[in-house]
C-alpha atoms as a PDB file:
ATOM      1  CA  TYR A   1     -40.529  98.917 -73.412  1.00  0.00           C
ATOM      2  CA  HIS A   2     -37.566  98.260 -71.125  1.00  0.00           C
ATOM      3  CA  CYS A   3     -38.091  94.590 -70.321  1.00  0.00           C
ATOM      4  CA  SER A   4     -36.538  92.005 -68.052  1.00  0.00           C
ATOM      5  CA  LEU A   5     -36.724  88.225 -68.343  1.00  0.00           C
ATOM      6  CA  ARG A   6     -39.265  86.376 -66.281  1.00  0.00           C
ATOM      7  CA  HIS A   7     -37.676  84.103 -63.717  1.00  0.00           C
ATOM      8  CA  HIS A   8     -39.294  80.945 -65.150  1.00  0.00           C
ATOM      9  CA  ILE A   9     -37.372  81.399 -68.438  1.00  0.00           C
ATOM     10  CA  ILE A  10     -34.045  81.548 -66.597  1.00  0.00           C
ATOM     11  CA  GLU A  11     -34.909  78.535 -64.436  1.00  0.00           C
ATOM     12  CA  ALA A  12     -36.027  76.494 -67.476  1.00  0.00           C
ATOM     13  CA  GLU A  13     -32.681  77.177 -69.174  1.00  0.00           C
ATOM     14  CA  LYS A  14     -30.771  76.112 -66.051  1.00  0.00           C
ATOM     15  CA  ARG A  15     -32.684  72.816 -65.947  1.00  0.00           C
ATOM     16  CA  ARG A  16     -32.000  72.236 -69.653  1.00  0.00           C
ATOM     17  CA  LEU A  17     -28.272  72.840 -69.201  1.00  0.00           C
ATOM     18  CA  ASP A  18     -28.188  70.453 -66.222  1.00  0.00           C
ATOM     19  CA  GLU A  19     -29.684  67.750 -68.436  1.00  0.00           C
ATOM     20  CA  THR A  20     -27.683  68.363 -71.610  1.00  0.00           C
ATOM     21  CA  LYS A  21     -24.371  69.467 -70.013  1.00  0.00           C
ATOM     22  CA  GLU A  22     -24.002  72.037 -72.799  1.00  0.00           C
ATOM     23  CA  MET A  23     -22.039  75.235 -72.393  1.00  0.00           C
ATOM     24  CA  PRO A  24     -24.376  78.135 -71.518  1.00  0.00           C
ATOM     25  CA  PHE A  25     -25.299  81.087 -73.704  1.00  0.00           C
ATOM     26  CA  VAL A  26     -23.975  84.552 -72.892  1.00  0.00           C
ATOM     27  CA  ASP A  27     -27.535  85.914 -73.139  1.00  0.00           C
ATOM     28  CA  LEU A  28     -30.846  84.107 -73.494  1.00  0.00           C
ATOM     29  CA  VAL A  29     -32.287  86.890 -75.673  1.00  0.00           C
ATOM     30  CA  ALA A  30     -30.547  88.381 -78.715  1.00  0.00           C
ATOM     31  CA  ALA A  31     -31.210  91.280 -81.055  1.00  0.00           C
ATOM     32  CA  GLY A  32     -33.810  90.131 -83.590  1.00  0.00           C
ATOM     33  CA  ASP A  33     -35.588  87.749 -81.228  1.00  0.00           C
ATOM     34  CA  ARG A  34     -39.374  87.776 -81.275  1.00  0.00           C
ATOM     35  CA  VAL A  35     -40.813  87.713 -77.778  1.00  0.00           C
ATOM     36  CA  LEU A  36     -44.116  87.907 -75.940  1.00  0.00           C
ATOM     37  CA  VAL A  37     -44.166  90.676 -73.340  1.00  0.00           C
ATOM     38  CA  SER A  38     -46.453  91.905 -70.619  1.00  0.00           C
ATOM     39  CA  GLN A  39     -46.616  95.491 -69.417  1.00  0.00           C
ATOM     40  CA  SER A  40     -45.597  96.379 -65.896  1.00  0.00           C
ATOM     41  CA  THR A  41     -48.344  97.669 -63.638  1.00  0.00           C
ATOM     42  CA  SER A  42     -45.945 100.043 -61.856  1.00  0.00           C
ATOM     43  CA  THR A  43     -44.417 102.014 -64.751  1.00  0.00           C
ATOM     44  CA  ARG A  44     -45.737 102.758 -68.242  1.00  0.00           C
ATOM     45  CA  ASP A  45     -42.584 102.038 -70.314  1.00  0.00           C
ATOM     46  CA  SER A  46     -41.366  98.824 -68.650  1.00  0.00           C
ATOM     47  CA  GLY A  47     -42.436  95.208 -68.883  1.00  0.00           C
ATOM     48  CA  TYR A  48     -41.487  91.551 -68.743  1.00  0.00           C
ATOM     49  CA  ILE A  49     -40.465  89.022 -71.377  1.00  0.00           C
ATOM     50  CA  GLU A  50     -42.875  86.140 -70.851  1.00  0.00           C
ATOM     51  CA  GLU A  51     -41.762  83.912 -73.741  1.00  0.00           C
ATOM     52  CA  ILE A  52     -39.011  83.778 -76.370  1.00  0.00           C
ATOM     53  CA  LEU A  53     -40.495  82.530 -79.643  1.00  0.00           C
ATOM     54  CA  PRO A  54     -38.619  79.909 -81.721  1.00  0.00           C
ATOM     55  CA  ARG A  55     -35.857  81.319 -83.915  1.00  0.00           C
ATOM     56  CA  LYS A  56     -35.973  80.929 -87.680  1.00  0.00           C
ATOM     57  CA  THR A  57     -32.214  81.498 -87.999  1.00  0.00           C
ATOM     58  CA  GLN A  58     -29.390  82.778 -85.845  1.00  0.00           C
ATOM     59  CA  PHE A  59     -25.857  84.067 -86.275  1.00  0.00           C
ATOM     60  CA  GLY A  60     -23.507  83.409 -83.407  1.00  0.00           C
ATOM     61  CA  ARG A  61     -20.216  81.990 -82.252  1.00  0.00           C
ATOM     62  CA  VAL A  62     -18.471  80.060 -79.512  1.00  0.00           C
ATOM     63  CA  ARG A  63     -16.271  82.479 -77.571  1.00  0.00           C
ATOM     64  CA  MET A  64     -12.744  81.736 -76.396  1.00  0.00           C
ATOM     65  CA  ASP A  65     -14.133  81.001 -72.910  1.00  0.00           C
ATOM     66  CA  GLU A  66     -16.382  78.356 -74.594  1.00  0.00           C
ATOM     67  CA  TRP A  67     -19.605  80.234 -73.787  1.00  0.00           C
ATOM     68  CA  ARG A  68     -22.013  80.316 -76.714  1.00  0.00           C
ATOM     69  CA  GLN A  69     -23.195  83.679 -78.028  1.00  0.00           C
ATOM     70  CA  VAL A  70     -26.083  84.394 -80.393  1.00  0.00           C
ATOM     71  CA  ILE A  71     -25.280  87.799 -81.894  1.00  0.00           C
ATOM     72  CA  VAL A  72     -28.407  88.301 -84.062  1.00  0.00           C
ATOM     73  CA  ALA A  73     -31.527  86.155 -84.444  1.00  0.00           C
ATOM     74  CA  ASN A  74     -34.076  85.700 -87.248  1.00  0.00           C
ATOM     75  CA  LEU A  75     -31.865  86.979 -90.060  1.00  0.00           C
ATOM     76  CA  ASP A  76     -32.500  86.652 -93.795  1.00  0.00           C
ATOM     77  CA  LEU A  77     -29.111  87.869 -94.994  1.00  0.00           C
ATOM     78  CA  LEU A  78     -25.546  87.909 -93.685  1.00  0.00           C
ATOM     79  CA  LEU A  79     -23.330  90.596 -95.223  1.00  0.00           C
ATOM     80  CA  ILE A  80     -19.733  89.531 -94.620  1.00  0.00           C
ATOM     81  CA  ILE A  81     -17.504  92.601 -94.845  1.00  0.00           C
ATOM     82  CA  PHE A  82     -13.770  92.445 -95.491  1.00  0.00           C
ATOM     83  CA  ALA A  83     -11.401  95.237 -96.473  1.00  0.00           C
ATOM     84  CA  ALA A  84      -9.413  94.987 -99.672  1.00  0.00           C
ATOM     85  CA  ARG A  85      -6.587  96.510 -97.609  1.00  0.00           C
ATOM     86  CA  GLN A  86      -6.131  97.826 -94.057  1.00  0.00           C
ATOM     87  CA  PRO A  87      -6.678  95.377 -92.436  1.00  0.00           C
ATOM     88  CA  VAL A  88      -5.418  92.533 -94.618  1.00  0.00           C
ATOM     89  CA  LEU A  89      -8.061  90.286 -96.184  1.00  0.00           C
ATOM     90  CA  LYS A  90      -7.825  86.858 -94.526  1.00  0.00           C
ATOM     91  CA  LEU A  91      -9.464  84.168 -96.644  1.00  0.00           C
ATOM     92  CA  ARG A  92      -9.443  81.604 -93.834  1.00  0.00           C
ATOM     93  CA  MET A  93     -11.531  83.940 -91.687  1.00  0.00           C
ATOM     94  CA  LEU A  94     -13.851  84.517 -94.651  1.00  0.00           C
ATOM     95  CA  ASP A  95     -14.304  80.736 -94.930  1.00  0.00           C
ATOM     96  CA  ARG A  96     -15.277  80.581 -91.249  1.00  0.00           C
ATOM     97  CA  PHE A  97     -17.980  83.209 -91.808  1.00  0.00           C
ATOM     98  CA  LEU A  98     -19.254  81.368 -94.889  1.00  0.00           C
ATOM     99  CA  VAL A  99     -19.420  78.018 -93.089  1.00  0.00           C
ATOM    100  CA  THR A 100     -21.272  79.677 -90.196  1.00  0.00           C
ATOM    101  CA  ALA A 101     -23.787  81.196 -92.623  1.00  0.00           C
ATOM    102  CA  GLU A 102     -24.259  77.869 -94.453  1.00  0.00           C
ATOM    103  CA  ALA A 103     -24.780  75.971 -91.191  1.00  0.00           C
ATOM    104  CA  SER A 104     -27.233  78.602 -89.930  1.00  0.00           C
ATOM    105  CA  GLY A 105     -29.346  78.581 -93.093  1.00  0.00           C
ATOM    106  CA  LEU A 106     -28.461  82.191 -93.891  1.00  0.00           C
ATOM    107  CA  LEU A 107     -27.891  83.728 -97.312  1.00  0.00           C
ATOM    108  CA  PRO A 108     -24.278  84.989 -97.274  1.00  0.00           C
ATOM    109  CA  VAL A 109     -23.128  87.918 -99.387  1.00  0.00           C
ATOM    110  CA  ILE A 110     -19.431  88.818 -99.473  1.00  0.00           C
ATOM    111  CA  CYS A 111     -18.581  92.524 -99.535  1.00  0.00           C
ATOM    112  CA  ILE A 112     -15.035  93.688-100.253  1.00  0.00           C
ATOM    113  CA  ASN A 113     -14.780  97.260 -98.949  1.00  0.00           C
ATOM    114  CA  LYS A 114     -12.143 100.003 -99.329  1.00  0.00           C
ATOM    115  CA  MET A 115     -11.820  99.313-103.039  1.00  0.00           C
ATOM    116  CA  ASP A 116     -10.327 102.786-103.498  1.00  0.00           C
ATOM    117  CA  LEU A 117      -7.096 101.389-101.983  1.00  0.00           C
ATOM    118  CA  VAL A 118      -6.503  98.652-104.577  1.00  0.00           C
ATOM    119  CA  LYS A 119      -6.868  97.883-108.255  1.00  0.00           C
ATOM    120  CA  PHE A 120     -10.266  96.401-109.051  1.00  0.00           C
ATOM    121  CA  GLU A 121      -8.732  93.706-111.259  1.00  0.00           C
ATOM    122  CA  ASP A 122      -6.497  92.455-108.423  1.00  0.00           C
ATOM    123  CA  SER A 123      -9.349  92.198-105.944  1.00  0.00           C
ATOM    124  CA  ARG A 124     -11.663  90.580-108.498  1.00  0.00           C
ATOM    125  CA  ALA A 125      -8.992  87.982-109.290  1.00  0.00           C
ATOM    126  CA  GLN A 126      -8.590  87.202-105.590  1.00  0.00           C
ATOM    127  CA  MET A 127     -12.340  86.690-105.151  1.00  0.00           C
ATOM    128  CA  ALA A 128     -12.904  84.820-108.432  1.00  0.00           C
ATOM    129  CA  LEU A 129     -12.798  81.528-106.530  1.00  0.00           C
ATOM    130  CA  TYR A 130     -15.816  82.493-104.407  1.00  0.00           C
ATOM    131  CA  GLU A 131     -17.790  83.833-107.355  1.00  0.00           C
ATOM    132  CA  GLN A 132     -17.183  80.550-109.199  1.00  0.00           C
ATOM    133  CA  ILE A 133     -18.535  78.617-106.208  1.00  0.00           C
ATOM    134  CA  GLY A 134     -21.707  80.712-106.464  1.00  0.00           C
ATOM    135  CA  TYR A 135     -21.327  83.324-103.736  1.00  0.00           C
ATOM    136  CA  LYS A 136     -22.399  86.883-104.535  1.00  0.00           C
ATOM    137  CA  VAL A 137     -19.538  89.368-104.122  1.00  0.00           C
ATOM    138  CA  LEU A 138     -19.977  93.141-103.851  1.00  0.00           C
ATOM    139  CA  TYR A 139     -17.095  95.589-104.272  1.00  0.00           C
ATOM    140  CA  THR A 140     -17.625  98.818-102.336  1.00  0.00           C
ATOM    141  CA  SER A 141     -15.930 102.051-101.352  1.00  0.00           C
ATOM    142  CA  VAL A 142     -17.211 104.721 -99.004  1.00  0.00           C
ATOM    143  CA  VAL A 143     -14.759 107.183-100.590  1.00  0.00           C
ATOM    144  CA  THR A 144     -16.075 106.784-104.154  1.00  0.00           C
ATOM    145  CA  GLY A 145     -19.563 105.436-103.381  1.00  0.00           C
ATOM    146  CA  ALA A 146     -18.927 102.412-105.598  1.00  0.00           C
ATOM    147  CA  GLY A 147     -21.100  99.377-104.892  1.00  0.00           C
ATOM    148  CA  VAL A 148     -23.335 101.113-102.339  1.00  0.00           C
ATOM    149  CA  PRO A 149     -26.472 101.119-104.569  1.00  0.00           C
ATOM    150  CA  GLU A 150     -25.989  97.387-105.231  1.00  0.00           C
ATOM    151  CA  MET A 151     -25.611  96.785-101.511  1.00  0.00           C
ATOM    152  CA  ARG A 152     -28.796  98.735-100.803  1.00  0.00           C
ATOM    153  CA  GLU A 153     -30.698  96.648-103.373  1.00  0.00           C
ATOM    154  CA  VAL A 154     -29.457  93.369-101.850  1.00  0.00           C
ATOM    155  CA  MET A 155     -30.621  94.457 -98.378  1.00  0.00           C
ATOM    156  CA  LYS A 156     -34.006  95.796 -99.465  1.00  0.00           C
ATOM    157  CA  ASP A 157     -36.940  94.424 -97.415  1.00  0.00           C
ATOM    158  CA  LYS A 158     -34.704  91.943 -95.565  1.00  0.00           C
ATOM    159  CA  ILE A 159     -33.436  91.577 -92.017  1.00  0.00           C
ATOM    160  CA  SER A 160     -29.672  91.744 -92.461  1.00  0.00           C
ATOM    161  CA  ALA A 161     -26.565  91.761 -90.320  1.00  0.00           C
ATOM    162  CA  ILE A 162     -23.273  93.410 -91.179  1.00  0.00           C
ATOM    163  CA  VAL A 163     -20.455  91.233 -89.828  1.00  0.00           C
ATOM    164  CA  GLY A 164     -16.686  91.193 -90.089  1.00  0.00           C
ATOM    165  CA  SER A 165     -13.485  92.018 -88.273  1.00  0.00           C
ATOM    166  CA  SER A 166     -12.875  95.406 -86.680  1.00  0.00           C
ATOM    167  CA  GLY A 167     -11.655  98.159 -88.984  1.00  0.00           C
ATOM    168  CA  VAL A 168     -13.109  96.850 -92.259  1.00  0.00           C
ATOM    169  CA  GLY A 169     -15.554  99.785 -92.472  1.00  0.00           C
ATOM    170  CA  LYS A 170     -18.877  98.247 -91.399  1.00  0.00           C
ATOM    171  CA  SER A 171     -20.213 101.360 -89.666  1.00  0.00           C
ATOM    172  CA  SER A 172     -18.875 103.627 -92.412  1.00  0.00           C
ATOM    173  CA  LEU A 173     -20.703 101.556 -95.009  1.00  0.00           C
ATOM    174  CA  LEU A 174     -23.964 101.811 -93.071  1.00  0.00           C
ATOM    175  CA  ASN A 175     -23.550 105.567 -92.746  1.00  0.00           C
ATOM    176  CA  GLU A 176     -23.096 105.740 -96.531  1.00  0.00           C
ATOM    177  CA  LEU A 177     -25.972 103.330 -97.111  1.00  0.00           C
ATOM    178  CA  GLN A 178     -28.367 105.475 -95.108  1.00  0.00           C
ATOM    179  CA  PRO A 179     -27.184 109.005 -94.289  1.00  0.00           C
ATOM    180  CA  GLY A 180     -28.424 110.124 -90.906  1.00  0.00           C
ATOM    181  CA  LEU A 181     -27.478 107.035 -88.929  1.00  0.00           C
ATOM    182  CA  ARG A 182     -24.280 108.753 -87.753  1.00  0.00           C
ATOM    183  CA  LEU A 183     -22.738 105.553 -86.427  1.00  0.00           C
ATOM    184  CA  ARG A 184     -19.389 106.051 -84.743  1.00  0.00           C
ATOM    185  CA  VAL A 185     -16.399 104.939 -86.835  1.00  0.00           C
ATOM    186  CA  GLY A 186     -12.804 104.244 -85.896  1.00  0.00           C
ATOM    187  CA  ASN A 187      -9.373 104.068 -87.476  1.00  0.00           C
ATOM    188  CA  VAL A 188      -7.120 101.110 -88.214  1.00  0.00           C
ATOM    189  CA  ASP A 189      -4.081 100.761 -85.954  1.00  0.00           C
ATOM    190  CA  GLU A 190      -1.201 101.535 -88.337  1.00  0.00           C
ATOM    191  CA  ARG A 191       1.301  99.440 -86.326  1.00  0.00           C
ATOM    192  CA  MET A 192      -0.801  96.296 -85.943  1.00  0.00           C
ATOM    193  CA  HIS A 193      -2.995  96.750 -89.057  1.00  0.00           C
ATOM    194  CA  LYS A 194      -5.984  95.760 -86.931  1.00  0.00           C
ATOM    195  CA  GLY A 195      -9.237  97.602 -86.501  1.00  0.00           C
ATOM    196  CA  GLN A 196     -10.415  99.172 -83.279  1.00  0.00           C
ATOM    197  CA  HIS A 197     -13.831  98.272 -81.865  1.00  0.00           C
ATOM    198  CA  THR A 198     -16.338 101.105 -82.283  1.00  0.00           C
ATOM    199  CA  THR A 199     -19.619  99.142 -82.173  1.00  0.00           C
ATOM    200  CA  THR A 200     -20.117  97.628 -78.709  1.00  0.00           C
ATOM    201  CA  GLU A 201     -23.705  96.435 -78.859  1.00  0.00           C
ATOM    202  CA  VAL A 202     -26.100  95.068 -81.457  1.00  0.00           C
ATOM    203  CA  THR A 203     -29.151  97.074 -82.514  1.00  0.00           C
ATOM    204  CA  LEU A 204     -31.596  96.482 -85.355  1.00  0.00           C
ATOM    205  CA  LEU A 205     -31.783  99.679 -87.407  1.00  0.00           C
ATOM    206  CA  PRO A 206     -34.733 100.357 -89.765  1.00  0.00           C
ATOM    207  CA  LEU A 207     -33.756 101.114 -93.362  1.00  0.00           C
ATOM    208  CA  ASN A 208     -35.437 103.601 -95.697  1.00  0.00           C
ATOM    209  CA  CYS A 209     -35.266 100.996 -98.490  1.00  0.00           C
ATOM    210  CA  GLY A 210     -37.222  98.560 -96.321  1.00  0.00           C
ATOM    211  CA  GLY A 211     -36.148  95.988 -93.778  1.00  0.00           C
ATOM    212  CA  PHE A 212     -33.697  96.197 -90.894  1.00  0.00           C
ATOM    213  CA  VAL A 213     -29.949  95.895 -90.478  1.00  0.00           C
ATOM    214  CA  ALA A 214     -27.833  95.017 -87.450  1.00  0.00           C
ATOM    215  CA  ASP A 215     -24.425  96.633 -87.045  1.00  0.00           C
ATOM    216  CA  THR A 216     -22.395  94.109 -85.045  1.00  0.00           C
ATOM    217  CA  PRO A 217     -19.160  94.453 -83.046  1.00  0.00           C
ATOM    218  CA  GLY A 218     -15.974  93.478 -84.865  1.00  0.00           C
ATOM    219  CA  VAL A 219     -15.259  89.757 -84.605  1.00  0.00           C
ATOM    220  CA  ARG A 220     -11.641  88.645 -84.238  1.00  0.00           C
ATOM    221  CA  THR A 221     -12.432  85.045 -83.266  1.00  0.00           C
ATOM    222  CA  LEU A 222     -15.336  83.001 -84.609  1.00  0.00           C
ATOM    223  CA  GLY A 223     -15.781  79.663 -82.899  1.00  0.00           C
ATOM    224  CA  LEU A 224     -18.274  77.680 -84.969  1.00  0.00           C
ATOM    225  CA  LEU A 225     -21.644  77.500 -83.203  1.00  0.00           C
ATOM    226  CA  GLU A 226     -24.003  75.635 -85.531  1.00  0.00           C
ATOM    227  CA  ILE A 227     -21.869  72.725 -86.732  1.00  0.00           C
ATOM    228  CA  ASP A 228     -23.442  69.312 -86.166  1.00  0.00           C
ATOM    229  CA  ASP A 229     -20.802  66.603 -85.603  1.00  0.00           C
ATOM    230  CA  GLU A 230     -23.045  63.943 -87.153  1.00  0.00           C
ATOM    231  CA  GLN A 231     -23.819  66.067 -90.214  1.00  0.00           C
ATOM    232  CA  GLY A 232     -20.160  66.967 -90.723  1.00  0.00           C
ATOM    233  CA  MET A 233     -18.285  70.027 -91.898  1.00  0.00           C
ATOM    234  CA  ASP A 234     -18.057  69.063 -95.576  1.00  0.00           C
ATOM    235  CA  ILE A 235     -21.755  69.688 -96.276  1.00  0.00           C
ATOM    236  CA  HIS A 236     -21.177  73.387 -95.577  1.00  0.00           C
ATOM    237  CA  PHE A 237     -18.703  73.682 -98.466  1.00  0.00           C
ATOM    238  CA  PRO A 238     -20.988  74.002-101.546  1.00  0.00           C
ATOM    239  CA  GLU A 239     -18.318  72.842-103.999  1.00  0.00           C
ATOM    240  CA  MET A 240     -17.876  69.582-102.036  1.00  0.00           C
ATOM    241  CA  ARG A 241     -21.544  68.604-101.878  1.00  0.00           C
ATOM    242  CA  PRO A 242     -21.774  66.950-105.354  1.00  0.00           C
ATOM    243  CA  TYR A 243     -18.803  64.690-104.558  1.00  0.00           C
ATOM    244  CA  ILE A 244     -19.707  63.581-101.005  1.00  0.00           C
ATOM    245  CA  PRO A 245     -22.138  60.802-102.127  1.00  0.00           C
ATOM    246  CA  GLU A 246     -19.456  59.411-104.460  1.00  0.00           C
ATOM    247  CA  CYS A 247     -16.987  58.651-101.646  1.00  0.00           C
ATOM    248  CA  LYS A 248     -16.464  54.969-100.796  1.00  0.00           C
ATOM    249  CA  PHE A 249     -17.309  55.484 -97.109  1.00  0.00           C
ATOM    250  CA  ALA A 250     -20.481  57.238 -95.964  1.00  0.00           C
ATOM    251  CA  ALA A 251     -18.602  58.882 -93.071  1.00  0.00           C
ATOM    252  CA  CYS A 252     -15.615  59.870 -95.197  1.00  0.00           C
ATOM    253  CA  ALA A 253     -13.547  62.637 -93.612  1.00  0.00           C
ATOM    254  CA  HIS A 254     -11.738  63.309 -96.935  1.00  0.00           C
ATOM    255  CA  GLN A 255      -8.382  63.032 -95.224  1.00  0.00           C
ATOM    256  CA  HIS A 256      -6.755  59.592 -95.667  1.00  0.00           C
ATOM    257  CA  GLU A 257      -9.628  57.330 -96.791  1.00  0.00           C
ATOM    258  CA  PRO A 258      -9.279  55.397-100.081  1.00  0.00           C
ATOM    259  CA  ARG A 259     -11.513  56.181-103.075  1.00  0.00           C
ATOM    260  CA  CYS A 260     -12.425  59.616-101.722  1.00  0.00           C
ATOM    261  CA  ALA A 261     -14.233  61.581-104.427  1.00  0.00           C
ATOM    262  CA  VAL A 262     -13.519  64.911-102.718  1.00  0.00           C
ATOM    263  CA  LYS A 263      -9.750  64.324-102.642  1.00  0.00           C
ATOM    264  CA  TYR A 264      -9.860  63.229-106.284  1.00  0.00           C
ATOM    265  CA  ALA A 265     -11.734  66.454-107.165  1.00  0.00           C
ATOM    266  CA  VAL A 266      -8.986  68.428-105.423  1.00  0.00           C
ATOM    267  CA  GLU A 267      -6.304  66.594-107.410  1.00  0.00           C
ATOM    268  CA  CYS A 268      -8.187  67.345-110.649  1.00  0.00           C
ATOM    269  CA  GLY A 269      -8.554  71.025-109.751  1.00  0.00           C
ATOM    270  CA  GLU A 270     -12.359  70.900-109.490  1.00  0.00           C
ATOM    271  CA  ILE A 271     -12.074  71.868-105.809  1.00  0.00           C
ATOM    272  CA  THR A 272      -9.309  74.347-105.013  1.00  0.00           C
ATOM    273  CA  LYS A 273      -6.538  73.352-102.611  1.00  0.00           C
ATOM    274  CA  LEU A 274      -7.102  76.629-100.732  1.00  0.00           C
ATOM    275  CA  ARG A 275     -10.686  75.724 -99.822  1.00  0.00           C
ATOM    276  CA  TYR A 276      -9.779  72.083 -99.152  1.00  0.00           C
ATOM    277  CA  GLU A 277      -7.120  73.237 -96.667  1.00  0.00           C
ATOM    278  CA  SER A 278      -9.718  75.476 -95.022  1.00  0.00           C
ATOM    279  CA  TYR A 279     -12.008  72.465 -94.691  1.00  0.00           C
ATOM    280  CA  LEU A 280      -9.218  70.453 -93.039  1.00  0.00           C
ATOM    281  CA  ARG A 281      -8.390  73.222 -90.596  1.00  0.00           C
ATOM    282  CA  LEU A 282     -12.004  73.865 -89.664  1.00  0.00           C
ATOM    283  CA  SER A 283     -12.553  70.124 -89.225  1.00  0.00           C
ATOM    284  CA  GLY A 284      -9.595  69.856 -86.855  1.00  0.00           C
ATOM    285  CA  PHE A 285      -7.117  68.188 -89.223  1.00  0.00           C
ATOM    286  CA  ARG A 286      -3.583  69.494 -88.960  1.00  0.00           C
ATOM    287  CA  GLU A 287      -0.529  67.914 -90.568  1.00  0.00           C
ATOM    288  CA  GLY A 288      -2.254  64.547 -90.966  1.00  0.00           C
ATOM    289  CA  ARG A 289      -3.528  64.446 -87.369  1.00  0.00           C
ATOM    290  CA  TYR A 290      -7.089  64.943 -86.192  1.00  0.00           C
ATOM    291  CA  GLU A 291      -7.691  67.145 -83.168  1.00  0.00           C
ATOM    292  CA  ARG A 292     -11.202  66.839 -81.794  1.00  0.00           C
ATOM    293  CA  ASN A 293     -12.621  70.220 -80.780  1.00  0.00           C
ATOM    294  CA  PRO A 294      -9.366  72.119 -81.468  1.00  0.00           C
ATOM    295  CA  GLU A 295     -10.893  75.423 -80.343  1.00  0.00           C
ATOM    296  CA  LYS A 296     -11.790  73.942 -76.952  1.00  0.00           C
ATOM    297  CA  LYS A 297      -8.263  72.557 -76.677  1.00  0.00           C
ATOM    298  CA  GLN A 298      -6.816  76.001 -77.365  1.00  0.00           C
ATOM    299  CA  SER A 299      -9.157  77.539 -74.792  1.00  0.00           C
ATOM    300  CA  LYS A 300      -8.053  74.925 -72.212  1.00  0.00           C
ATOM    301  CA  GLN A 301      -4.411  75.681 -72.927  1.00  0.00           C
ATOM    302  CA  THR A 302      -5.085  79.400 -72.417  1.00  0.00           C
ATOM    303  CA  GLU A 303      -6.850  78.680 -69.126  1.00  0.00           C
ATOM    304  CA  ASN A 304      -3.973  76.521 -67.882  1.00  0.00           C
ATOM    305  CA  ARG A 305      -1.454  79.199 -68.855  1.00  0.00           C
ATOM    306  CA  ARG A 306      -3.409  81.836 -66.915  1.00  0.00           C
ATOM    307  CA  LYS A 307      -3.519  79.572 -63.854  1.00  0.00           C
ATOM    308  CA  GLY A 308       0.250  79.165 -64.084  1.00  0.00           C
ATOM    309  CA  GLU A 309       0.728  82.941 -64.261  1.00  0.00           C
ATOM    310  CA  ASN A 310      -1.493  83.436 -61.210  1.00  0.00           C
ATOM    311  CA  ARG A 311       0.685  81.054 -59.208  1.00  0.00           C
END
């Protein structure tokens, strides 16, 4: 059915935003949402969305314009795809995806694609940190077929989403995973080493092995959507969780406070400096200073610059 939202849903959201003063969502309904619909009396294949049922989980982001966007709803599994090469694997971006998955209650699985371009030992050494933390890492190649059966087994009977930057081979992997999908694929820009967007909308695709998968557009920016300021960022770093209760202060930011168990664990090598630095950056700490809502600040600076150019 081709459905449109009932007016009362839109009006209810407007009233809620007036009360909460929150930034609006790009769309009120996302791929994966469960809804109640009614059939139109005028045409057979059209209808109306009467109610959006509560979401179990959601994967989304805050865009650069500060609007919130739910990309896929009601997921079981988030497959985070990065290329071993072309484009370059950025661990800070990987940490953002992992924190988003942790905050959203999703099971994250890391997939390093294009393994035919590198030595397996080098890639495995680079990802050893994440495997030690407890994250599952798959190593795949569309060229050789390596890792595809393991990927298919992980996705079996689950609702999954394939996420990652443009050019890492998400659509190519899905085509290899289930021949016949014939998803459009693109090339990596050789000058910029960045992928080109080929997926422009999100659709849940049924899998022969059971379950569904969503092929999502490439994400170059991932403003954190689900982070609760009261809960804190540290709880979404699994290796930090055992040390948080041992800190002297209950609201320890693990930056300059005395008797911080997390900082001591970093000094002892039990938490890696790489992940600790990611925590500081995602929390808004830079060079010993704390910037509240740094992404919003950056967005405001961009807006002011555009206004200046228009003058």
